[in-house]
Amino acid sequence: MKKVVQFFKDSIGELKKVVWPSRDDVISSTKVIIVSTLIVAVVLGLIDVILVRGMELFF
């Protein structure tokens, strides 16, 4: 039981050392992720269309 209590005390101590990002940092990172995801989705969609059309030519 002592080990469990010590684990939680150590965890709380480590969480106090964490430097949390500011709200602006989180918002800008989220924008980057959303834009990156949309770009990758469009590129993969175009590749899919090209491959499907190419396969239709062969069959």
Protein backbone atom coordinates (compact mmCIF):
# COMPACT_ATOMS: atom_id res chain seq x y z
CA MET A 1 0.00 0.00 0.00
CA LYS A 2 2.90 2.33 0.76
CA LYS A 3 4.20 1.91 -2.78
CA VAL A 4 0.84 2.96 -4.24
CA VAL A 5 0.68 6.07 -2.06
CA GLN A 6 4.30 6.92 -2.93
CA PHE A 7 3.52 6.45 -6.63
CA PHE A 8 0.69 9.00 -6.48
CA LYS A 9 2.81 11.46 -4.47
CA ASP A 10 5.60 11.16 -7.03
CA SER A 11 3.11 11.55 -9.90
CA ILE A 12 1.71 14.76 -8.40
CA GLY A 13 5.23 16.05 -7.88
CA GLU A 14 6.11 15.37 -11.52
CA LEU A 15 2.92 17.03 -12.77
CA LYS A 16 3.89 20.21 -10.88
CA LYS A 17 7.14 20.31 -12.91
CA VAL A 18 5.31 20.20 -16.26
CA VAL A 19 5.35 23.40 -18.30
CA TRP A 20 1.89 23.52 -19.84
CA PRO A 21 1.49 25.27 -23.22
CA SER A 22 -0.36 28.55 -23.41
CA ARG A 23 -3.80 28.81 -24.98
CA ASP A 24 -2.34 30.54 -28.04
CA ASP A 25 0.21 27.73 -28.51
CA VAL A 26 -2.52 25.10 -28.36
CA ILE A 27 -4.71 26.98 -30.85
CA SER A 28 -1.87 27.49 -33.33
CA SER A 29 -0.80 23.84 -33.06
CA THR A 30 -4.38 22.73 -33.62
CA LYS A 31 -4.62 24.89 -36.76
CA VAL A 32 -1.40 23.38 -38.11
CA ILE A 33 -2.69 19.85 -37.49
CA ILE A 34 -6.06 20.54 -39.14
CA VAL A 35 -4.48 22.13 -42.21
CA SER A 36 -1.91 19.33 -42.50
CA THR A 37 -4.64 16.70 -42.24
CA LEU A 38 -6.70 18.39 -44.95
CA ILE A 39 -3.70 18.63 -47.28
CA VAL A 40 -2.84 14.96 -46.80
CA ALA A 41 -6.49 13.99 -47.35
CA VAL A 42 -6.64 15.92 -50.63
CA VAL A 43 -3.34 14.46 -51.87
CA LEU A 44 -4.41 10.91 -51.01
CA GLY A 45 -7.79 11.50 -52.64
CA LEU A 46 -6.13 12.68 -55.84
CA ILE A 47 -3.79 9.68 -55.85
CA ASP A 48 -6.80 7.40 -55.37
CA VAL A 49 -8.69 9.00 -58.27
CA ILE A 50 -5.65 8.74 -60.53
CA LEU A 51 -5.09 5.08 -59.66
CA VAL A 52 -8.77 4.19 -60.14
CA ARG A 53 -8.87 5.90 -63.54
CA GLY A 54 -5.63 4.15 -64.50
CA MET A 55 -7.05 0.76 -63.52
CA GLU A 56 -10.19 1.46 -65.56
CA LEU A 57 -8.03 1.95 -68.66
CA PHE A 58 -6.51 -1.51 -68.23
CA PHE A 59 -9.74 -3.36 -67.48
